[in-house]
């Protein structure tokens, strides 16, 4: 498990993600009180067609089409319990093998 000061949640705030609602996603993450990760308004993550994009570092987990209602699940399941939210994983980056 990464150390507390290493973990970051990057929420893309570039044009296409913002048009898809990433400002609201960022606000939802910022409302959650957390000491074990830092929420960052990020520049383009080069996944514009999959936005809003959320990227968790240092483990390099990429979520796509994240909505504010997804934030509690990502926080609880991934950030607290260490289990990625499979249905929100970016399929371009997290390919599933049969």
Protein backbone atom coordinates (compact mmCIF):
# COMPACT_ATOMS: atom_id res chain seq x y z
CA UNK A 1 0.00 0.00 0.00
CA UNK A 2 1.41 3.43 -0.91
CA UNK A 3 2.36 5.76 1.90
CA UNK A 4 -0.20 8.42 2.74
CA UNK A 5 1.72 11.32 1.26
CA UNK A 6 2.34 9.47 -2.03
CA UNK A 7 -1.27 8.76 -3.01
CA UNK A 8 -2.95 11.22 -5.35
CA UNK A 9 -6.30 11.43 -7.12
CA UNK A 10 -5.99 13.40 -10.34
CA UNK A 11 -9.26 14.68 -11.76
CA UNK A 12 -8.89 16.01 -15.28
CA UNK A 13 -10.05 19.62 -15.67
CA UNK A 14 -9.26 20.08 -19.33
CA UNK A 15 -11.84 21.20 -21.87
CA UNK A 16 -13.55 17.94 -22.87
CA UNK A 17 -13.61 16.50 -19.38
CA UNK A 18 -14.99 19.77 -18.01
CA UNK A 19 -17.72 19.73 -20.66
CA UNK A 20 -18.61 16.23 -19.44
CA UNK A 21 -18.82 17.35 -15.80
CA UNK A 22 -15.36 16.93 -14.31
CA UNK A 23 -15.65 20.08 -12.18
CA UNK A 24 -18.51 18.41 -10.31
CA UNK A 25 -16.45 15.20 -9.97
CA UNK A 26 -13.56 17.21 -8.53
CA UNK A 27 -15.92 18.93 -6.08
CA UNK A 28 -17.31 15.55 -4.97
CA UNK A 29 -13.80 14.23 -4.24
CA UNK A 30 -12.92 17.45 -2.40
CA UNK A 31 -15.98 17.08 -0.13
CA UNK A 32 -14.74 13.74 1.17
CA UNK A 33 -12.54 14.12 4.23
CA UNK A 34 -9.44 12.04 3.62
CA UNK A 35 -5.99 11.95 5.09
CA UNK A 36 -4.57 9.13 2.99
CA UNK A 37 -4.65 10.80 -0.44
CA UNK A 38 -4.52 14.23 -2.05
CA UNK A 39 -7.07 15.38 -4.64
CA UNK A 40 -5.59 17.37 -7.52
CA UNK A 41 -7.22 19.28 -10.37
CA UNK A 42 -5.16 17.93 -13.26
CA UNK A 43 -4.39 19.06 -16.77
CA UNK A 44 -5.27 16.89 -19.75
CA UNK A 45 -4.73 13.17 -19.18
CA UNK A 46 -4.97 12.39 -22.94
CA UNK A 47 -8.17 10.38 -22.58
CA UNK A 48 -10.58 13.04 -23.84
CA UNK A 49 -13.14 10.67 -25.35
CA UNK A 50 -13.43 8.84 -22.01
CA UNK A 51 -13.93 11.84 -19.76
CA UNK A 52 -14.33 12.77 -17.06
CA UNK A 53 -11.08 10.98 -16.29
CA UNK A 54 -9.83 10.17 -12.79
CA UNK A 55 -6.33 8.78 -12.33
CA UNK A 56 -5.11 7.31 -9.05
CA UNK A 57 -1.37 7.44 -8.38
CA UNK A 58 1.02 5.84 -7.71
CA UNK A 59 -0.82 2.63 -8.65
CA UNK A 60 -1.80 4.04 -12.10
CA UNK A 61 -5.50 3.18 -11.95
CA UNK A 62 -7.49 5.05 -14.58
CA UNK A 63 -11.24 5.57 -14.34
CA UNK A 64 -13.39 6.84 -17.20
CA UNK A 65 -16.73 8.59 -17.51
CA UNK A 66 -16.72 9.26 -13.78
CA UNK A 67 -19.76 11.03 -12.42
CA UNK A 68 -20.17 12.65 -8.98
CA UNK A 69 -22.32 9.69 -7.92
CA UNK A 70 -19.35 7.36 -8.60
CA UNK A 71 -17.07 9.18 -6.17
CA UNK A 72 -18.32 7.55 -2.92
CA UNK A 73 -17.87 4.10 -4.47
CA UNK A 74 -14.34 4.90 -5.70
CA UNK A 75 -13.43 6.32 -2.29
CA UNK A 76 -14.82 3.44 -0.28
CA UNK A 77 -14.01 0.51 -2.54
CA UNK A 78 -10.70 1.62 -4.05
CA UNK A 79 -9.11 4.25 -1.83
CA UNK A 80 -10.18 2.70 1.47
CA UNK A 81 -10.43 -1.03 0.67
CA UNK A 82 -7.85 -1.27 -2.14
CA UNK A 83 -10.22 -2.87 -4.70
CA UNK A 84 -10.56 -1.04 -8.03
CA UNK A 85 -14.09 -0.32 -9.23
CA UNK A 86 -14.04 -2.57 -12.29
CA UNK A 87 -17.06 -1.12 -14.08
CA UNK A 88 -15.43 2.34 -14.18
CA UNK A 89 -11.91 1.24 -15.25
CA UNK A 90 -10.73 2.75 -18.52
CA UNK A 91 -10.75 -0.19 -20.98
CA UNK A 92 -8.03 1.40 -23.14
CA UNK A 93 -5.61 1.18 -20.24
CA UNK A 94 -6.92 -1.72 -18.16
CA UNK A 95 -7.47 -4.41 -20.78
CA UNK A 96 -9.28 -7.50 -19.62
CA UNK A 97 -7.90 -10.83 -20.68
CA UNK A 98 -10.26 -13.79 -21.01
